[in-house]
N, C-alpha and C. Protein backbone atom coordinates (compact mmCIF):
# COMPACT_ATOMS: atom_id res chain seq x y z
N MET A 1 -12.70 19.21 -80.94
CA MET A 1 -11.36 19.35 -81.52
C MET A 1 -10.54 20.30 -80.67
N ILE A 2 -9.32 19.88 -80.30
CA ILE A 2 -8.43 20.72 -79.50
C ILE A 2 -7.48 21.44 -80.45
N ARG A 3 -7.52 22.78 -80.40
CA ARG A 3 -6.75 23.55 -81.37
C ARG A 3 -5.28 23.67 -80.98
N GLN A 4 -5.01 23.84 -79.69
CA GLN A 4 -3.64 24.06 -79.24
C GLN A 4 -3.00 22.74 -78.82
N PRO A 5 -1.74 22.52 -79.21
CA PRO A 5 -1.06 21.30 -78.75
C PRO A 5 -0.84 21.34 -77.25
N VAL A 6 -0.83 20.17 -76.65
CA VAL A 6 -0.62 20.02 -75.21
C VAL A 6 0.64 19.19 -75.00
N ARG A 7 1.59 19.73 -74.26
CA ARG A 7 2.82 19.00 -74.01
C ARG A 7 2.56 17.78 -73.14
N LEU A 8 3.12 16.66 -73.56
CA LEU A 8 3.11 15.45 -72.74
C LEU A 8 4.56 15.03 -72.57
N ASP A 9 5.11 15.36 -71.42
CA ASP A 9 6.50 15.03 -71.11
C ASP A 9 6.53 13.68 -70.41
N ILE A 10 7.37 12.78 -70.93
CA ILE A 10 7.41 11.42 -70.40
C ILE A 10 8.83 11.11 -69.94
N PHE A 11 8.95 10.72 -68.67
CA PHE A 11 10.22 10.30 -68.10
C PHE A 11 10.27 8.77 -68.12
N LEU A 12 11.34 8.23 -68.66
CA LEU A 12 11.41 6.78 -68.84
C LEU A 12 12.83 6.29 -68.77
N ASP A 13 12.96 4.97 -68.67
CA ASP A 13 14.21 4.27 -68.91
C ASP A 13 13.84 3.08 -69.79
N PRO A 14 14.51 2.90 -70.94
CA PRO A 14 14.10 1.83 -71.85
C PRO A 14 14.27 0.42 -71.29
N VAL A 15 15.02 0.25 -70.19
CA VAL A 15 15.14 -1.07 -69.59
C VAL A 15 14.08 -1.31 -68.51
N CYS A 16 13.14 -0.38 -68.37
CA CYS A 16 12.05 -0.54 -67.41
C CYS A 16 10.87 -1.23 -68.11
N PRO A 17 10.46 -2.42 -67.67
CA PRO A 17 9.34 -3.10 -68.34
C PRO A 17 8.03 -2.35 -68.20
N TRP A 18 7.84 -1.62 -67.11
CA TRP A 18 6.61 -0.86 -66.94
C TRP A 18 6.55 0.30 -67.94
N CYS A 19 7.71 0.81 -68.34
CA CYS A 19 7.73 1.84 -69.39
C CYS A 19 7.29 1.25 -70.72
N LEU A 20 7.69 0.02 -70.99
CA LEU A 20 7.25 -0.66 -72.21
C LEU A 20 5.73 -0.80 -72.24
N VAL A 21 5.17 -1.27 -71.13
CA VAL A 21 3.71 -1.43 -71.06
C VAL A 21 3.02 -0.08 -71.09
N GLY A 22 3.56 0.89 -70.36
CA GLY A 22 2.95 2.21 -70.33
C GLY A 22 2.94 2.87 -71.69
N LYS A 23 4.02 2.72 -72.43
CA LYS A 23 4.08 3.30 -73.77
C LYS A 23 3.09 2.60 -74.70
N ALA A 24 2.99 1.29 -74.59
CA ALA A 24 2.04 0.55 -75.43
C ALA A 24 0.61 1.01 -75.16
N ASN A 25 0.27 1.20 -73.91
CA ASN A 25 -1.08 1.67 -73.56
C ASN A 25 -1.33 3.07 -74.10
N LEU A 26 -0.34 3.94 -73.94
CA LEU A 26 -0.49 5.30 -74.47
C LEU A 26 -0.61 5.27 -75.99
N ASP A 27 0.24 4.50 -76.65
CA ASP A 27 0.19 4.41 -78.11
C ASP A 27 -1.19 3.95 -78.59
N ARG A 28 -1.77 3.01 -77.87
CA ARG A 28 -3.10 2.50 -78.26
C ARG A 28 -4.14 3.61 -78.12
N ALA A 29 -4.07 4.35 -77.03
CA ALA A 29 -5.03 5.43 -76.83
C ALA A 29 -4.87 6.52 -77.88
N LEU A 30 -3.65 6.87 -78.21
CA LEU A 30 -3.43 7.92 -79.21
C LEU A 30 -3.88 7.46 -80.59
N ALA A 31 -3.68 6.17 -80.89
CA ALA A 31 -4.15 5.64 -82.18
C ALA A 31 -5.68 5.65 -82.26
N ASP A 32 -6.34 5.42 -81.12
CA ASP A 32 -7.80 5.42 -81.09
C ASP A 32 -8.37 6.85 -81.12
N HIS A 33 -7.52 7.84 -80.84
CA HIS A 33 -7.95 9.25 -80.83
C HIS A 33 -6.97 10.05 -81.69
N PRO A 34 -7.04 9.89 -83.00
CA PRO A 34 -6.07 10.55 -83.88
C PRO A 34 -6.09 12.07 -83.81
N ASP A 35 -7.15 12.65 -83.24
CA ASP A 35 -7.19 14.10 -83.08
C ASP A 35 -6.70 14.53 -81.70
N HIS A 36 -5.98 13.66 -81.02
CA HIS A 36 -5.46 13.99 -79.69
C HIS A 36 -4.56 15.23 -79.78
N PRO A 37 -4.41 15.94 -78.66
CA PRO A 37 -3.67 17.21 -78.70
C PRO A 37 -2.20 17.08 -78.34
N PHE A 38 -1.72 15.87 -78.02
CA PHE A 38 -0.43 15.76 -77.36
C PHE A 38 0.76 15.97 -78.29
N SER A 39 1.70 16.74 -77.79
CA SER A 39 3.04 16.85 -78.37
C SER A 39 3.97 16.15 -77.39
N VAL A 40 4.45 14.97 -77.79
CA VAL A 40 5.17 14.09 -76.86
C VAL A 40 6.66 14.40 -76.86
N GLN A 41 7.22 14.50 -75.67
CA GLN A 41 8.66 14.64 -75.50
C GLN A 41 9.12 13.66 -74.43
N TRP A 42 10.25 13.00 -74.71
CA TRP A 42 10.78 11.96 -73.82
C TRP A 42 11.98 12.50 -73.06
N HIS A 43 12.06 12.12 -71.77
CA HIS A 43 13.10 12.66 -70.90
C HIS A 43 13.82 11.54 -70.14
N PRO A 44 15.09 11.79 -69.79
CA PRO A 44 15.90 10.72 -69.17
C PRO A 44 15.64 10.53 -67.69
N PHE A 45 15.63 9.27 -67.30
CA PHE A 45 15.61 8.88 -65.90
C PHE A 45 16.25 7.50 -65.83
N GLN A 46 17.44 7.42 -65.26
CA GLN A 46 18.13 6.13 -65.18
C GLN A 46 17.70 5.40 -63.91
N LEU A 47 17.14 4.22 -64.09
CA LEU A 47 16.78 3.40 -62.94
C LEU A 47 18.02 3.01 -62.14
N ASN A 48 19.11 2.77 -62.84
CA ASN A 48 20.33 2.32 -62.19
C ASN A 48 21.50 3.18 -62.66
N PRO A 49 21.56 4.43 -62.19
CA PRO A 49 22.60 5.34 -62.69
C PRO A 49 24.01 4.91 -62.34
N ASP A 50 24.16 4.06 -61.32
CA ASP A 50 25.49 3.60 -60.92
C ASP A 50 25.89 2.29 -61.58
N MET A 51 25.08 1.84 -62.54
CA MET A 51 25.40 0.60 -63.25
C MET A 51 26.75 0.74 -63.95
N PRO A 52 27.63 -0.27 -63.89
CA PRO A 52 28.90 -0.19 -64.63
C PRO A 52 28.65 0.06 -66.11
N ALA A 53 29.60 0.73 -66.74
CA ALA A 53 29.44 1.09 -68.16
C ALA A 53 29.20 -0.13 -69.03
N GLU A 54 29.79 -1.26 -68.65
CA GLU A 54 29.64 -2.48 -69.46
C GLU A 54 28.39 -3.27 -69.10
N GLY A 55 27.64 -2.81 -68.09
CA GLY A 55 26.45 -3.52 -67.67
C GLY A 55 26.77 -4.74 -66.82
N VAL A 56 25.71 -5.49 -66.45
CA VAL A 56 25.90 -6.69 -65.63
C VAL A 56 24.96 -7.78 -66.14
N PRO A 57 25.25 -9.06 -65.83
CA PRO A 57 24.31 -10.13 -66.16
C PRO A 57 22.97 -9.89 -65.46
N LYS A 58 21.90 -9.89 -66.23
CA LYS A 58 20.61 -9.45 -65.70
C LYS A 58 20.06 -10.35 -64.61
N ARG A 59 20.01 -11.65 -64.86
CA ARG A 59 19.35 -12.55 -63.93
C ARG A 59 20.07 -12.58 -62.58
N ALA A 60 21.39 -12.67 -62.61
CA ALA A 60 22.14 -12.73 -61.36
C ALA A 60 21.98 -11.44 -60.57
N TRP A 61 21.95 -10.32 -61.27
CA TRP A 61 21.80 -9.02 -60.59
C TRP A 61 20.44 -8.91 -59.94
N LEU A 62 19.39 -9.34 -60.64
CA LEU A 62 18.04 -9.27 -60.10
C LEU A 62 17.88 -10.19 -58.90
N GLU A 63 18.42 -11.39 -58.98
CA GLU A 63 18.29 -12.33 -57.86
C GLU A 63 19.01 -11.81 -56.62
N ALA A 64 20.16 -11.17 -56.82
CA ALA A 64 20.87 -10.59 -55.68
C ALA A 64 20.10 -9.42 -55.09
N ARG A 65 19.44 -8.67 -55.93
CA ARG A 65 18.72 -7.47 -55.46
C ARG A 65 17.39 -7.80 -54.82
N PHE A 66 16.65 -8.76 -55.38
CA PHE A 66 15.29 -9.01 -54.93
C PHE A 66 15.14 -10.24 -54.04
N GLY A 67 16.23 -10.94 -53.78
CA GLY A 67 16.15 -11.99 -52.78
C GLY A 67 15.99 -13.40 -53.31
N GLY A 68 16.57 -13.69 -54.45
CA GLY A 68 16.61 -15.06 -54.91
C GLY A 68 15.77 -15.35 -56.13
N LYS A 69 15.95 -16.56 -56.65
CA LYS A 69 15.32 -16.99 -57.89
C LYS A 69 13.80 -16.99 -57.81
N GLU A 70 13.23 -17.52 -56.73
CA GLU A 70 11.77 -17.62 -56.64
C GLU A 70 11.12 -16.25 -56.66
N ARG A 71 11.73 -15.30 -55.99
CA ARG A 71 11.17 -13.95 -55.96
C ARG A 71 11.21 -13.33 -57.34
N VAL A 72 12.31 -13.50 -58.05
CA VAL A 72 12.42 -12.94 -59.41
C VAL A 72 11.44 -13.64 -60.34
N ASP A 73 11.29 -14.96 -60.21
CA ASP A 73 10.33 -15.69 -61.03
C ASP A 73 8.92 -15.14 -60.84
N ALA A 74 8.57 -14.84 -59.58
CA ALA A 74 7.22 -14.33 -59.30
C ALA A 74 7.03 -12.95 -59.93
N VAL A 75 8.04 -12.10 -59.82
CA VAL A 75 7.95 -10.77 -60.43
C VAL A 75 7.83 -10.89 -61.94
N HIS A 76 8.60 -11.78 -62.54
CA HIS A 76 8.56 -11.95 -63.99
C HIS A 76 7.22 -12.48 -64.45
N GLU A 77 6.62 -13.38 -63.69
CA GLU A 77 5.32 -13.90 -64.09
C GLU A 77 4.26 -12.81 -64.01
N ARG A 78 4.37 -11.96 -63.00
CA ARG A 78 3.44 -10.83 -62.90
C ARG A 78 3.60 -9.91 -64.10
N LEU A 79 4.84 -9.65 -64.50
CA LEU A 79 5.09 -8.82 -65.67
C LEU A 79 4.49 -9.43 -66.92
N ARG A 80 4.62 -10.74 -67.07
CA ARG A 80 4.04 -11.42 -68.24
C ARG A 80 2.53 -11.25 -68.27
N GLU A 81 1.88 -11.37 -67.11
CA GLU A 81 0.43 -11.22 -67.04
C GLU A 81 0.00 -9.81 -67.44
N VAL A 82 0.69 -8.82 -66.90
CA VAL A 82 0.36 -7.42 -67.21
C VAL A 82 0.59 -7.15 -68.70
N ALA A 83 1.70 -7.66 -69.23
CA ALA A 83 2.01 -7.44 -70.64
C ALA A 83 0.96 -8.09 -71.54
N ARG A 84 0.56 -9.30 -71.21
CA ARG A 84 -0.46 -9.98 -72.03
C ARG A 84 -1.75 -9.18 -72.05
N SER A 85 -2.15 -8.66 -70.90
CA SER A 85 -3.40 -7.90 -70.84
C SER A 85 -3.30 -6.61 -71.64
N ALA A 86 -2.07 -6.11 -71.83
CA ALA A 86 -1.86 -4.88 -72.61
C ALA A 86 -1.54 -5.18 -74.06
N GLY A 87 -1.50 -6.46 -74.42
CA GLY A 87 -1.17 -6.82 -75.80
C GLY A 87 0.28 -6.59 -76.16
N VAL A 88 1.15 -6.71 -75.15
CA VAL A 88 2.57 -6.42 -75.36
C VAL A 88 3.36 -7.71 -75.37
N THR A 89 4.29 -7.82 -76.30
CA THR A 89 5.22 -8.94 -76.32
C THR A 89 6.33 -8.68 -75.31
N LEU A 90 6.38 -9.46 -74.25
CA LEU A 90 7.37 -9.22 -73.20
C LEU A 90 7.77 -10.54 -72.55
N ASP A 91 9.02 -10.90 -72.70
CA ASP A 91 9.61 -12.01 -71.96
C ASP A 91 10.71 -11.42 -71.10
N PRO A 92 10.48 -11.28 -69.79
CA PRO A 92 11.48 -10.63 -68.94
C PRO A 92 12.83 -11.33 -68.94
N ASP A 93 12.85 -12.60 -69.33
CA ASP A 93 14.11 -13.34 -69.36
C ASP A 93 14.84 -13.22 -70.69
N ARG A 94 14.24 -12.54 -71.65
CA ARG A 94 14.87 -12.40 -72.96
C ARG A 94 16.16 -11.58 -72.88
N PRO A 95 16.17 -10.39 -72.27
CA PRO A 95 17.43 -9.66 -72.16
C PRO A 95 18.39 -10.40 -71.22
N GLN A 96 19.63 -10.52 -71.61
CA GLN A 96 20.62 -11.23 -70.81
C GLN A 96 21.44 -10.30 -69.92
N ARG A 97 21.43 -9.00 -70.25
CA ARG A 97 22.22 -8.05 -69.48
C ARG A 97 21.38 -6.82 -69.13
N ILE A 98 21.73 -6.19 -68.03
CA ILE A 98 21.20 -4.87 -67.70
C ILE A 98 22.28 -3.86 -68.04
N PRO A 99 22.04 -2.99 -69.01
CA PRO A 99 23.08 -2.05 -69.40
C PRO A 99 23.03 -0.77 -68.57
N ASN A 100 24.09 -0.01 -68.62
CA ASN A 100 24.02 1.38 -68.22
C ASN A 100 23.34 2.12 -69.37
N THR A 101 22.29 2.88 -69.07
CA THR A 101 21.47 3.46 -70.15
C THR A 101 21.79 4.92 -70.46
N LEU A 102 22.90 5.43 -69.96
CA LEU A 102 23.25 6.81 -70.26
C LEU A 102 23.34 7.04 -71.77
N ASN A 103 24.01 6.15 -72.48
CA ASN A 103 24.16 6.33 -73.92
C ASN A 103 22.83 6.18 -74.65
N ALA A 104 21.97 5.30 -74.16
CA ALA A 104 20.64 5.18 -74.76
C ALA A 104 19.87 6.49 -74.61
N HIS A 105 20.01 7.12 -73.46
CA HIS A 105 19.33 8.40 -73.25
C HIS A 105 19.95 9.50 -74.11
N ARG A 106 21.25 9.45 -74.34
CA ARG A 106 21.85 10.41 -75.26
C ARG A 106 21.25 10.23 -76.66
N LEU A 107 21.09 8.98 -77.08
CA LEU A 107 20.50 8.72 -78.39
C LEU A 107 19.07 9.27 -78.46
N ILE A 108 18.28 9.06 -77.42
CA ILE A 108 16.92 9.58 -77.40
C ILE A 108 16.93 11.10 -77.52
N HIS A 109 17.86 11.74 -76.85
CA HIS A 109 17.98 13.20 -76.93
C HIS A 109 18.28 13.63 -78.36
N TRP A 110 19.25 13.01 -79.00
CA TRP A 110 19.59 13.38 -80.38
C TRP A 110 18.44 13.09 -81.33
N ALA A 111 17.71 12.00 -81.07
CA ALA A 111 16.55 11.69 -81.91
C ALA A 111 15.50 12.78 -81.82
N GLY A 112 15.38 13.39 -80.64
CA GLY A 112 14.45 14.51 -80.50
C GLY A 112 14.83 15.68 -81.38
N ILE A 113 16.11 15.93 -81.51
CA ILE A 113 16.58 17.01 -82.38
C ILE A 113 16.24 16.71 -83.83
N GLU A 114 16.30 15.43 -84.19
CA GLU A 114 16.06 15.03 -85.59
C GLU A 114 14.60 14.68 -85.86
N GLY A 115 13.74 14.82 -84.86
CA GLY A 115 12.31 14.62 -85.08
C GLY A 115 11.86 13.18 -85.13
N CYS A 116 12.64 12.26 -84.54
CA CYS A 116 12.24 10.85 -84.57
C CYS A 116 12.36 10.23 -83.19
N GLN A 117 12.07 11.02 -82.17
CA GLN A 117 12.30 10.58 -80.80
C GLN A 117 11.42 9.38 -80.41
N SER A 118 10.12 9.46 -80.68
CA SER A 118 9.24 8.35 -80.31
C SER A 118 9.61 7.07 -81.06
N GLU A 119 10.04 7.22 -82.31
CA GLU A 119 10.46 6.06 -83.09
C GLU A 119 11.68 5.40 -82.46
N VAL A 120 12.64 6.20 -82.03
CA VAL A 120 13.84 5.64 -81.42
C VAL A 120 13.51 4.99 -80.07
N VAL A 121 12.64 5.62 -79.29
CA VAL A 121 12.22 5.00 -78.03
C VAL A 121 11.59 3.64 -78.29
N SER A 122 10.72 3.56 -79.28
CA SER A 122 10.07 2.29 -79.61
C SER A 122 11.10 1.25 -80.03
N ARG A 123 12.04 1.65 -80.85
CA ARG A 123 13.05 0.71 -81.34
C ARG A 123 14.00 0.27 -80.24
N LEU A 124 14.33 1.16 -79.32
CA LEU A 124 15.17 0.77 -78.19
C LEU A 124 14.47 -0.29 -77.34
N MET A 125 13.19 -0.07 -77.06
CA MET A 125 12.46 -1.03 -76.25
C MET A 125 12.29 -2.36 -76.96
N ARG A 126 12.01 -2.29 -78.26
CA ARG A 126 11.88 -3.53 -79.02
C ARG A 126 13.21 -4.29 -79.05
N ALA A 127 14.30 -3.55 -79.26
CA ALA A 127 15.60 -4.18 -79.32
C ALA A 127 15.93 -4.90 -78.01
N TYR A 128 15.62 -4.25 -76.90
CA TYR A 128 15.96 -4.83 -75.60
C TYR A 128 15.01 -5.93 -75.18
N TRP A 129 13.71 -5.64 -75.20
CA TRP A 129 12.75 -6.56 -74.61
C TRP A 129 12.31 -7.69 -75.54
N GLU A 130 12.28 -7.44 -76.85
CA GLU A 130 11.84 -8.48 -77.78
C GLU A 130 13.01 -9.21 -78.43
N GLU A 131 14.08 -8.47 -78.71
CA GLU A 131 15.20 -9.05 -79.45
C GLU A 131 16.39 -9.40 -78.57
N GLY A 132 16.39 -8.93 -77.33
CA GLY A 132 17.46 -9.26 -76.41
C GLY A 132 18.80 -8.63 -76.75
N ARG A 133 18.77 -7.52 -77.49
CA ARG A 133 20.02 -6.85 -77.85
C ARG A 133 20.53 -6.01 -76.68
N ASP A 134 21.83 -5.84 -76.62
CA ASP A 134 22.46 -5.07 -75.55
C ASP A 134 22.47 -3.60 -75.94
N ILE A 135 21.53 -2.83 -75.40
CA ILE A 135 21.43 -1.41 -75.77
C ILE A 135 22.39 -0.55 -74.96
N GLY A 136 23.34 -1.19 -74.31
CA GLY A 136 24.45 -0.46 -73.74
C GLY A 136 25.63 -0.37 -74.68
N GLU A 137 25.63 -1.21 -75.72
CA GLU A 137 26.72 -1.23 -76.69
C GLU A 137 26.54 -0.08 -77.69
N MET A 138 27.61 0.66 -77.93
CA MET A 138 27.53 1.80 -78.83
C MET A 138 27.16 1.38 -80.24
N GLU A 139 27.71 0.26 -80.70
CA GLU A 139 27.42 -0.19 -82.06
C GLU A 139 25.95 -0.56 -82.20
N THR A 140 25.38 -1.15 -81.16
CA THR A 140 23.95 -1.49 -81.19
C THR A 140 23.10 -0.22 -81.24
N LEU A 141 23.47 0.78 -80.45
CA LEU A 141 22.73 2.03 -80.45
C LEU A 141 22.85 2.74 -81.79
N ALA A 142 24.02 2.71 -82.40
CA ALA A 142 24.19 3.34 -83.71
C ALA A 142 23.33 2.63 -84.75
N ALA A 143 23.25 1.30 -84.65
CA ALA A 143 22.41 0.56 -85.59
C ALA A 143 20.94 0.91 -85.41
N ILE A 144 20.50 1.04 -84.16
CA ILE A 144 19.11 1.43 -83.89
C ILE A 144 18.84 2.82 -84.44
N ALA A 145 19.81 3.73 -84.30
CA ALA A 145 19.65 5.06 -84.87
C ALA A 145 19.45 4.97 -86.38
N GLY A 146 20.23 4.12 -87.04
CA GLY A 146 20.08 3.95 -88.48
C GLY A 146 18.72 3.38 -88.85
N GLU A 147 18.20 2.47 -88.04
CA GLU A 147 16.89 1.89 -88.31
C GLU A 147 15.79 2.94 -88.23
N ALA A 148 16.03 3.98 -87.45
CA ALA A 148 15.03 5.06 -87.30
C ALA A 148 15.26 6.21 -88.27
N GLY A 149 16.23 6.06 -89.17
CA GLY A 149 16.46 7.09 -90.17
C GLY A 149 17.55 8.07 -89.85
N MET A 150 18.24 7.87 -88.73
CA MET A 150 19.36 8.74 -88.38
C MET A 150 20.63 8.22 -89.06
N ASP A 151 21.67 9.01 -89.01
CA ASP A 151 22.96 8.62 -89.60
C ASP A 151 23.70 7.75 -88.59
N PRO A 152 23.86 6.46 -88.84
CA PRO A 152 24.49 5.59 -87.83
C PRO A 152 25.96 5.91 -87.60
N ALA A 153 26.68 6.28 -88.66
CA ALA A 153 28.10 6.59 -88.49
C ALA A 153 28.28 7.85 -87.65
N ALA A 154 27.48 8.88 -87.93
CA ALA A 154 27.57 10.11 -87.13
C ALA A 154 27.15 9.85 -85.69
N THR A 155 26.13 9.02 -85.51
CA THR A 155 25.69 8.69 -84.16
C THR A 155 26.78 7.96 -83.39
N LEU A 156 27.47 7.03 -84.05
CA LEU A 156 28.54 6.30 -83.39
C LEU A 156 29.67 7.23 -82.96
N ARG A 157 30.00 8.18 -83.82
CA ARG A 157 31.04 9.14 -83.45
C ARG A 157 30.63 9.95 -82.23
N LEU A 158 29.38 10.36 -82.18
CA LEU A 158 28.89 11.09 -81.01
C LEU A 158 28.93 10.22 -79.76
N LEU A 159 28.52 8.98 -79.89
CA LEU A 159 28.53 8.07 -78.75
C LEU A 159 29.94 7.84 -78.22
N GLN A 160 30.91 7.84 -79.12
CA GLN A 160 32.30 7.62 -78.72
C GLN A 160 32.91 8.86 -78.07
N SER A 161 32.19 9.96 -78.11
CA SER A 161 32.61 11.19 -77.43
C SER A 161 31.80 11.34 -76.14
N ASP A 162 32.01 12.45 -75.46
CA ASP A 162 31.23 12.75 -74.26
C ASP A 162 30.07 13.70 -74.54
N ALA A 163 29.72 13.86 -75.81
CA ALA A 163 28.71 14.85 -76.19
C ALA A 163 27.41 14.65 -75.42
N ASP A 164 26.99 15.70 -74.73
CA ASP A 164 25.70 15.77 -74.04
C ASP A 164 25.57 14.83 -72.85
N ALA A 165 26.64 14.14 -72.47
CA ALA A 165 26.56 13.24 -71.31
C ALA A 165 26.26 14.02 -70.03
N ASP A 166 26.94 15.14 -69.85
CA ASP A 166 26.71 15.95 -68.65
C ASP A 166 25.29 16.52 -68.65
N ASP A 167 24.78 16.88 -69.82
CA ASP A 167 23.43 17.43 -69.92
C ASP A 167 22.40 16.38 -69.53
N ILE A 168 22.58 15.16 -69.99
CA ILE A 168 21.64 14.08 -69.66
C ILE A 168 21.67 13.81 -68.16
N ALA A 169 22.86 13.75 -67.59
CA ALA A 169 22.96 13.52 -66.15
C ALA A 169 22.30 14.65 -65.36
N ALA A 170 22.48 15.88 -65.82
CA ALA A 170 21.87 17.03 -65.14
C ALA A 170 20.35 16.99 -65.25
N ARG A 171 19.83 16.61 -66.39
CA ARG A 171 18.37 16.52 -66.56
C ARG A 171 17.79 15.41 -65.69
N ASP A 172 18.50 14.30 -65.59
CA ASP A 172 18.07 13.21 -64.72
C ASP A 172 18.03 13.70 -63.27
N ALA A 173 19.08 14.38 -62.84
CA ALA A 173 19.14 14.89 -61.46
C ALA A 173 18.04 15.92 -61.21
N ASP A 174 17.77 16.75 -62.20
CA ASP A 174 16.72 17.77 -62.05
C ASP A 174 15.35 17.12 -61.91
N ALA A 175 15.11 16.05 -62.68
CA ALA A 175 13.83 15.34 -62.57
C ALA A 175 13.66 14.78 -61.16
N ARG A 176 14.70 14.20 -60.62
CA ARG A 176 14.62 13.65 -59.26
C ARG A 176 14.38 14.76 -58.24
N ALA A 177 15.07 15.89 -58.42
CA ALA A 177 14.91 17.02 -57.50
C ALA A 177 13.48 17.56 -57.52
N LYS A 178 12.80 17.41 -58.66
CA LYS A 178 11.43 17.91 -58.79
C LYS A 178 10.39 16.86 -58.42
N GLY A 179 10.85 15.69 -57.97
CA GLY A 179 9.91 14.71 -57.44
C GLY A 179 9.70 13.45 -58.24
N VAL A 180 10.33 13.33 -59.40
CA VAL A 180 10.20 12.08 -60.16
C VAL A 180 11.02 11.01 -59.45
N SER A 181 10.37 9.93 -59.07
CA SER A 181 11.05 8.88 -58.32
C SER A 181 10.90 7.51 -58.95
N SER A 182 10.08 7.42 -59.99
CA SER A 182 9.88 6.15 -60.68
C SER A 182 9.46 6.44 -62.11
N VAL A 183 9.54 5.41 -62.93
CA VAL A 183 9.13 5.55 -64.33
C VAL A 183 8.22 4.38 -64.71
N PRO A 184 7.30 4.64 -65.67
CA PRO A 184 7.12 5.90 -66.38
C PRO A 184 6.40 6.96 -65.54
N THR A 185 6.80 8.20 -65.72
CA THR A 185 6.10 9.34 -65.14
C THR A 185 5.71 10.27 -66.29
N PHE A 186 4.46 10.67 -66.32
CA PHE A 186 3.92 11.51 -67.38
C PHE A 186 3.55 12.87 -66.79
N LEU A 187 3.96 13.93 -67.45
CA LEU A 187 3.62 15.29 -67.04
C LEU A 187 2.76 15.90 -68.14
N VAL A 188 1.48 16.14 -67.83
CA VAL A 188 0.51 16.63 -68.80
C VAL A 188 0.42 18.15 -68.70
N ALA A 189 0.66 18.81 -69.81
CA ALA A 189 0.55 20.27 -69.88
C ALA A 189 1.41 20.97 -68.83
N GLN A 190 2.53 20.33 -68.49
CA GLN A 190 3.46 20.89 -67.51
C GLN A 190 2.80 21.17 -66.16
N THR A 191 1.71 20.44 -65.89
CA THR A 191 0.93 20.71 -64.68
C THR A 191 0.53 19.44 -63.94
N TYR A 192 -0.04 18.47 -64.66
CA TYR A 192 -0.63 17.29 -64.02
C TYR A 192 0.31 16.09 -64.18
N VAL A 193 0.55 15.39 -63.07
CA VAL A 193 1.47 14.26 -63.07
C VAL A 193 0.68 12.95 -63.03
N VAL A 194 1.03 12.04 -63.92
CA VAL A 194 0.45 10.70 -63.95
C VAL A 194 1.61 9.72 -63.88
N THR A 195 1.56 8.77 -62.97
CA THR A 195 2.64 7.81 -62.82
C THR A 195 2.17 6.40 -63.13
N GLY A 196 3.11 5.59 -63.58
CA GLY A 196 2.83 4.18 -63.81
C GLY A 196 2.29 3.87 -65.19
N ALA A 197 2.16 2.57 -65.45
CA ALA A 197 1.70 2.08 -66.75
C ALA A 197 0.18 2.14 -66.80
N GLN A 198 -0.36 3.33 -67.02
CA GLN A 198 -1.79 3.54 -66.98
C GLN A 198 -2.49 2.91 -68.20
N PRO A 199 -3.72 2.43 -68.04
CA PRO A 199 -4.44 1.80 -69.15
C PRO A 199 -4.88 2.82 -70.19
N PRO A 200 -5.19 2.36 -71.40
CA PRO A 200 -5.62 3.27 -72.46
C PRO A 200 -6.84 4.09 -72.06
N GLY A 201 -7.73 3.51 -71.25
CA GLY A 201 -8.93 4.22 -70.85
C GLY A 201 -8.64 5.50 -70.09
N LEU A 202 -7.60 5.49 -69.28
CA LEU A 202 -7.26 6.71 -68.57
C LEU A 202 -6.86 7.81 -69.54
N TRP A 203 -6.06 7.45 -70.55
CA TRP A 203 -5.63 8.45 -71.53
C TRP A 203 -6.81 8.93 -72.36
N ALA A 204 -7.75 8.06 -72.65
CA ALA A 204 -8.95 8.49 -73.36
C ALA A 204 -9.72 9.51 -72.53
N GLN A 205 -9.77 9.28 -71.22
CA GLN A 205 -10.45 10.22 -70.32
C GLN A 205 -9.72 11.56 -70.30
N VAL A 206 -8.39 11.53 -70.24
CA VAL A 206 -7.62 12.77 -70.23
C VAL A 206 -7.86 13.56 -71.52
N ILE A 207 -7.84 12.85 -72.65
CA ILE A 207 -8.07 13.51 -73.94
C ILE A 207 -9.46 14.15 -73.98
N ALA A 208 -10.46 13.43 -73.46
CA ALA A 208 -11.82 13.96 -73.44
C ALA A 208 -11.92 15.20 -72.55
N GLU A 209 -11.25 15.17 -71.41
CA GLU A 209 -11.29 16.32 -70.50
C GLU A 209 -10.60 17.53 -71.12
N LEU A 210 -9.51 17.31 -71.81
CA LEU A 210 -8.82 18.42 -72.49
C LEU A 210 -9.71 19.01 -73.58
N ALA A 211 -10.43 18.15 -74.30
CA ALA A 211 -11.33 18.63 -75.34
C ALA A 211 -12.46 19.45 -74.73
N ASP A 212 -13.00 18.99 -73.59
CA ASP A 212 -14.07 19.72 -72.94
C ASP A 212 -13.61 21.11 -72.48
N ARG A 213 -12.39 21.17 -71.97
CA ARG A 213 -11.86 22.47 -71.54
C ARG A 213 -11.66 23.41 -72.71
N GLU A 214 -11.24 22.85 -73.82
CA GLU A 214 -11.03 23.68 -75.01
C GLU A 214 -12.36 24.25 -75.51
N GLN A 215 -13.40 23.41 -75.48
CA GLN A 215 -14.70 23.86 -75.96
C GLN A 215 -15.32 24.89 -75.02
N ALA A 216 -14.93 24.82 -73.72
CA ALA A 216 -15.51 25.75 -72.76
C ALA A 216 -14.89 27.14 -72.81
N LYS A 217 -13.78 27.27 -73.53
CA LYS A 217 -13.12 28.58 -73.61
C LYS A 217 -13.95 29.59 -74.40
């Protein structure tokens, strides 16, 4: 039994499919080890910080970036295979737009203040990847906040302002300055860095190692 909580800082973007898979794998490991020591905190990292505020059509943008339809099809099929092996529902063609995620990250920040951050992250990913909702729209984000128990009207008012936008951008820039270059990136106990959509077994090993260190004290 680990007596002291261990910070697990996670850098993500909800429009990153690898973040969806990585979170699902972590969630499975934590469910299998209910006595895990982690205190989870989510942090902003925009994959496409220069994305227009209104977003862009997803398929056309990907084909222009990755070199055509066949290349995108191959990437999407690989994502489907990885998702299936992780037990994740993922159709890369379900979302029709790639949004600017600054406002989504603001919502995640406010959810942390209200104690429902992981719930909001889960709902954002479900909304985008399973339901195809545009999580760049303020009304959609306010509705997701309401689904997680937050006040949707108050959230919408905040979204319509510039509240915490500069702070989110600064935190994103600070993460990059400290070496975060892709997501998901996990920082364990503010010391050890784990990148990518790691399998549940890796997290089980980390939990076991933390328990062993606690017992050795």
